[in-house]
Amino acid sequence: MTRATERTDGEMHYFSHRAIMTDCQLTVIKFIIYTTNCRCEVAKWRGMVQDKNRETERFRAELDSILSVLKELRRQGVTIPLSRH
């Protein structure tokens, strides 16, 4: 090896340390991306659950209205025939 391509122990330590730092930085970046993706997934699922909860509440309100009408009709003596399929 010529002097241009030879490395001293100090230089090797520097480049080795720099490679380790790069690996650590890459690991940190990967972790940040992973946690960001997880947060996005959690937010997406949270939104979907909230949408379904609102839909369920609308359904319950509609069903309660229907049941109230049926109770009032029953109270008034109206009989609703059941169809048989």
Protein backbone atom coordinates (compact mmCIF):
# COMPACT_ATOMS: atom_id res chain seq x y z
CA MET A 1 0.00 0.00 0.00
CA THR A 2 1.19 3.44 -0.78
CA ARG A 3 0.81 6.30 1.65
CA ALA A 4 -2.19 7.57 -0.33
CA THR A 5 -4.10 4.34 0.32
CA GLU A 6 -2.66 3.45 3.74
CA ARG A 7 -4.65 4.41 6.80
CA THR A 8 -3.31 5.00 10.27
CA ASP A 9 -4.95 3.47 13.30
CA GLY A 10 -6.46 6.87 14.08
CA GLU A 11 -7.89 7.19 10.59
CA MET A 12 -9.30 3.65 10.72
CA HIS A 13 -10.89 4.42 14.09
CA TYR A 14 -12.36 7.63 12.64
CA PHE A 15 -13.86 5.85 9.62
CA SER A 16 -15.04 2.94 11.76
CA HIS A 17 -16.63 5.35 14.24
CA ARG A 18 -18.18 7.30 11.35
CA ALA A 19 -19.66 4.05 9.92
CA ILE A 20 -21.10 3.16 13.34
CA MET A 21 -22.60 6.64 13.67
CA THR A 22 -24.10 6.27 10.21
CA ASP A 23 -25.59 2.88 11.20
CA CYS A 24 -26.98 4.39 14.41
CA GLN A 25 -28.40 7.35 12.53
CA LEU A 26 -29.95 5.00 9.98
CA THR A 27 -31.48 2.96 12.80
CA VAL A 28 -32.89 6.10 14.40
CA ILE A 29 -34.30 7.27 11.07
CA LYS A 30 -35.89 3.85 10.49
CA PHE A 31 -37.39 3.96 13.99
CA ILE A 32 -38.80 7.45 13.41
CA ILE A 33 -40.32 6.34 10.10
CA TYR A 34 -41.74 3.22 11.74
CA THR A 35 -43.31 5.13 14.64
CA THR A 36 -44.64 7.78 12.26
CA ASN A 37 -46.22 5.06 10.13
CA CYS A 38 -47.68 3.48 13.27
CA ARG A 39 -49.14 6.82 14.35
CA CYS A 40 -50.65 7.25 10.89
CA GLU A 41 -52.14 3.76 11.05
CA VAL A 42 -53.51 4.41 14.53
CA ALA A 43 -55.02 7.71 13.36
CA LYS A 44 -56.54 6.00 10.32
CA TRP A 45 -58.11 3.22 12.41
CA ARG A 46 -59.24 5.68 15.09
CA GLY A 47 -61.03 7.68 12.39
CA MET A 48 -62.66 4.55 10.99
CA VAL A 49 -63.87 3.53 14.47
CA GLN A 50 -65.24 7.03 15.12
CA ASP A 51 -67.08 6.92 11.78
CA LYS A 52 -68.57 3.52 12.64
CA ASN A 53 -69.58 4.78 16.10
CA ARG A 54 -71.39 7.75 14.54
CA GLU A 55 -73.08 5.42 12.05
CA THR A 56 -74.14 3.10 14.90
CA GLU A 57 -75.53 6.03 16.89
CA ARG A 58 -77.55 7.21 13.86
CA PHE A 59 -78.90 3.68 13.45
CA ARG A 60 -79.85 3.49 17.14
CA ALA A 61 -81.62 6.83 16.96
CA GLU A 62 -83.56 5.71 13.88
CA LEU A 63 -84.44 2.39 15.50
CA ASP A 64 -85.58 4.18 18.68
CA SER A 65 -87.85 6.38 16.54
CA ILE A 66 -89.35 3.35 14.82
CA LEU A 67 -89.90 1.60 18.15
CA SER A 68 -91.53 4.72 19.60
CA VAL A 69 -93.96 4.86 16.68
CA LEU A 70 -94.77 1.16 17.08
CA LYS A 71 -95.36 1.62 20.84
CA GLU A 72 -97.68 4.57 20.17
CA LEU A 73 -99.57 2.58 17.54
CA ARG A 74 -99.92 -0.34 19.96
CA ARG A 75 -101.10 2.05 22.68
CA GLN A 76 -103.77 3.31 20.28
CA GLY A 77 -104.88 -0.28 19.63
CA VAL A 78 -103.49 -0.64 16.11
CA THR A 79 -102.49 -4.19 15.25
CA ILE A 80 -99.76 -4.70 12.71
CA PRO A 81 -100.00 -8.05 10.98
CA LEU A 82 -96.80 -10.02 10.79
CA SER A 83 -95.95 -11.26 7.36
CA ARG A 84 -94.83 -14.87 7.04
CA HIS A 85 -92.26 -15.71 4.42
